[in-house]
Amino acid sequence: MKTLKTLTATFAVGAIVSIAATTAAFSAQSSCNGNVCTIPVINGAKCALSAYTNAADTWNMSAAQGGSTFNEQSGSGENDTPMKWTSGNAVFTAGGDTITVTFSANGNTNVKMRTNSGFADGTSSAIMNGEDGADTDYNDVIANVTCIK
């Protein structure tokens, strides 16, 4: 018997994406090193990227593929305030096997990020949580990327 896990993510564009995946099918994992997260994606897949803040600090996020930034968002506020796009779009086509997402708070790159991800049957998803150092709740910024081939 296979165990199913379901992830539901609400994107700033208003769409709700639900992904069901078997635990056994998960392969490549996302990782964060300080303020930089490396997220595996499916080359050629349609992806959506969104972020929300829960802090007074102004958070900035940029996403890049192959060293070229394709999405930047910025925002502040509590209660999961959606970050606003300063460049790029919420939806993009993956042009490689990974994207790099970089975060800062009030211009400070000394923030801590962590992530969890999974792959299954043509879908991938990753959730990133961040801490600006005021406490250790890791809910100051929440970003997610979901790709469907």
Protein backbone atom coordinates (compact mmCIF):
# COMPACT_ATOMS: atom_id res chain seq x y z
CA MET A 1 0.00 0.00 0.00
CA LYS A 2 1.34 3.45 -0.95
CA THR A 3 1.03 6.42 1.38
CA LEU A 4 -0.26 9.60 -0.23
CA LYS A 5 0.60 13.06 0.97
CA THR A 6 -1.24 16.12 -0.31
CA LEU A 7 0.09 19.68 -0.44
CA THR A 8 -2.26 22.57 -1.08
CA ALA A 9 -0.71 25.96 -1.80
CA THR A 10 -2.54 29.23 -2.41
CA PHE A 11 -0.79 31.52 -4.85
CA ALA A 12 -0.99 35.30 -4.96
CA VAL A 13 -2.61 35.04 -8.40
CA GLY A 14 -5.58 33.36 -6.71
CA ALA A 15 -5.18 29.84 -8.05
CA ILE A 16 -5.17 26.89 -5.71
CA VAL A 17 -2.93 24.02 -6.69
CA SER A 18 -3.28 20.63 -5.07
CA ILE A 19 -0.60 18.05 -5.61
CA ALA A 20 -0.93 14.45 -4.53
CA ALA A 21 2.29 12.48 -4.54
CA THR A 22 3.44 9.14 -3.24
CA THR A 23 6.18 9.29 -0.66
CA ALA A 24 8.15 6.64 -2.52
CA ALA A 25 8.23 8.76 -5.69
CA PHE A 26 10.08 11.73 -4.12
CA SER A 27 13.63 12.10 -5.39
CA ALA A 28 15.67 15.33 -5.64
CA GLN A 29 15.43 17.59 -2.60
CA SER A 30 15.67 21.34 -2.24
CA SER A 31 18.28 22.86 0.06
CA CYS A 32 19.13 26.21 1.63
CA ASN A 33 22.50 27.60 2.63
CA GLY A 34 21.98 30.78 4.65
CA ASN A 35 19.84 33.09 2.52
CA VAL A 36 20.11 31.10 -0.75
CA CYS A 37 17.85 28.14 -1.62
CA THR A 38 18.40 25.74 -4.52
CA ILE A 39 15.14 24.26 -5.74
CA PRO A 40 14.97 21.31 -8.17
CA VAL A 41 12.44 21.81 -10.96
CA ILE A 42 11.39 19.86 -14.03
CA ASN A 43 12.96 21.30 -17.20
CA GLY A 44 10.22 22.64 -19.48
CA ALA A 45 7.52 22.54 -16.78
CA LYS A 46 5.11 25.42 -16.10
CA CYS A 47 5.89 26.79 -12.64
CA ALA A 48 4.30 29.27 -10.24
CA LEU A 49 6.27 31.20 -7.61
CA SER A 50 4.77 33.24 -4.79
CA ALA A 51 5.86 34.64 -1.43
CA TYR A 52 4.25 36.07 1.70
CA THR A 53 5.60 38.03 4.66
CA ASN A 54 4.77 37.88 8.33
CA ALA A 55 7.17 40.53 9.66
CA ALA A 56 7.66 44.28 9.91
CA ASP A 57 10.95 43.93 8.00
CA THR A 58 10.89 44.43 4.23
CA TRP A 59 11.79 41.12 2.62
CA ASN A 60 13.21 40.81 -0.88
CA MET A 61 13.29 37.64 -2.95
CA SER A 62 14.89 37.01 -6.33
CA ALA A 63 14.72 33.84 -8.41
CA ALA A 64 17.26 32.89 -11.07
CA GLN A 65 17.91 30.11 -13.59
CA GLY A 66 21.36 29.69 -15.09
CA GLY A 67 22.57 32.86 -13.35
CA SER A 68 19.87 35.04 -14.91
CA THR A 69 17.25 36.59 -12.58
CA PHE A 70 13.71 36.11 -13.87
CA ASN A 71 11.55 37.06 -10.87
CA GLU A 72 11.89 39.58 -8.04
CA GLN A 73 9.42 40.22 -5.24
CA SER A 74 9.41 42.56 -2.25
CA GLY A 75 7.10 43.18 0.68
CA SER A 76 6.46 43.57 4.36
CA GLY A 77 3.55 43.15 6.71
CA GLU A 78 2.08 40.64 9.06
CA ASN A 79 -0.61 37.99 8.59
CA ASP A 80 0.91 36.47 5.43
CA THR A 81 0.89 39.62 3.33
CA PRO A 82 1.53 38.76 -0.35
CA MET A 83 4.84 40.10 -1.65
CA LYS A 84 4.58 42.27 -4.77
CA TRP A 85 6.43 41.54 -8.02
CA THR A 86 9.04 44.15 -8.81
CA SER A 87 10.04 42.27 -11.98
CA GLY A 88 9.02 39.08 -13.73
CA ASN A 89 5.79 37.10 -13.51
CA ALA A 90 4.17 34.65 -11.12
CA VAL A 91 4.17 31.91 -13.77
CA PHE A 92 7.25 30.85 -15.74
CA THR A 93 8.59 27.93 -17.76
CA ALA A 94 11.52 26.14 -16.13
CA GLY A 95 14.58 26.44 -18.34
CA GLY A 96 16.76 23.94 -16.49
CA ASP A 97 16.84 21.49 -13.61
CA THR A 98 17.11 24.00 -10.72
CA ILE A 99 16.23 27.53 -9.74
CA THR A 100 18.09 29.58 -7.15
CA VAL A 101 16.04 31.73 -4.80
CA THR A 102 17.83 34.41 -2.76
CA PHE A 103 16.32 36.26 0.22
CA SER A 104 17.15 39.36 2.29
CA ALA A 105 15.38 41.35 5.01
CA ASN A 106 15.88 45.13 5.17
CA GLY A 107 18.81 44.63 2.78
CA ASN A 108 20.49 42.21 5.20
CA THR A 109 21.46 38.86 3.69
CA ASN A 110 22.17 37.40 7.14
CA VAL A 111 18.80 35.62 7.23
CA LYS A 112 18.18 31.92 7.70
CA MET A 113 16.13 29.91 5.24
CA ARG A 114 14.94 26.30 5.27
CA THR A 115 12.95 24.28 2.76
CA ASN A 116 11.10 21.07 2.03
CA SER A 117 10.32 19.69 -1.42
CA GLY A 118 9.11 16.72 -3.38
CA PHE A 119 8.77 15.27 -6.87
CA ALA A 120 6.23 12.87 -8.30
CA ASP A 121 4.83 12.01 -11.73
CA GLY A 122 5.65 15.26 -13.55
CA THR A 123 5.12 17.63 -10.60
CA SER A 124 7.51 19.28 -8.18
CA SER A 125 6.95 21.57 -5.25
CA ALA A 126 9.02 23.36 -2.62
CA ILE A 127 8.13 25.51 0.35
CA MET A 128 10.73 27.89 1.80
CA ASN A 129 10.43 29.53 5.24
CA GLY A 130 12.64 32.33 6.52
CA GLU A 131 13.81 33.87 9.78
CA ASP A 132 15.11 37.44 10.09
CA GLY A 133 16.71 36.84 13.49
CA ALA A 134 14.18 38.57 15.77
CA ASP A 135 12.95 35.19 17.05
CA THR A 136 13.17 31.60 15.80
CA ASP A 137 9.68 30.96 14.44
CA TYR A 138 10.71 30.72 10.75
CA ASN A 139 7.49 32.36 9.61
CA ASP A 140 8.85 35.81 8.65
CA VAL A 141 8.72 34.92 4.96
CA ILE A 142 7.05 31.93 3.28
CA ALA A 143 7.63 31.24 -0.41
CA ASN A 144 6.51 28.37 -2.61
CA VAL A 145 7.20 27.13 -6.08
CA THR A 146 5.13 24.46 -7.81
CA CYS A 147 5.85 23.03 -11.27
CA ILE A 148 3.66 20.81 -13.44
CA LYS A 149 4.94 19.15 -16.63
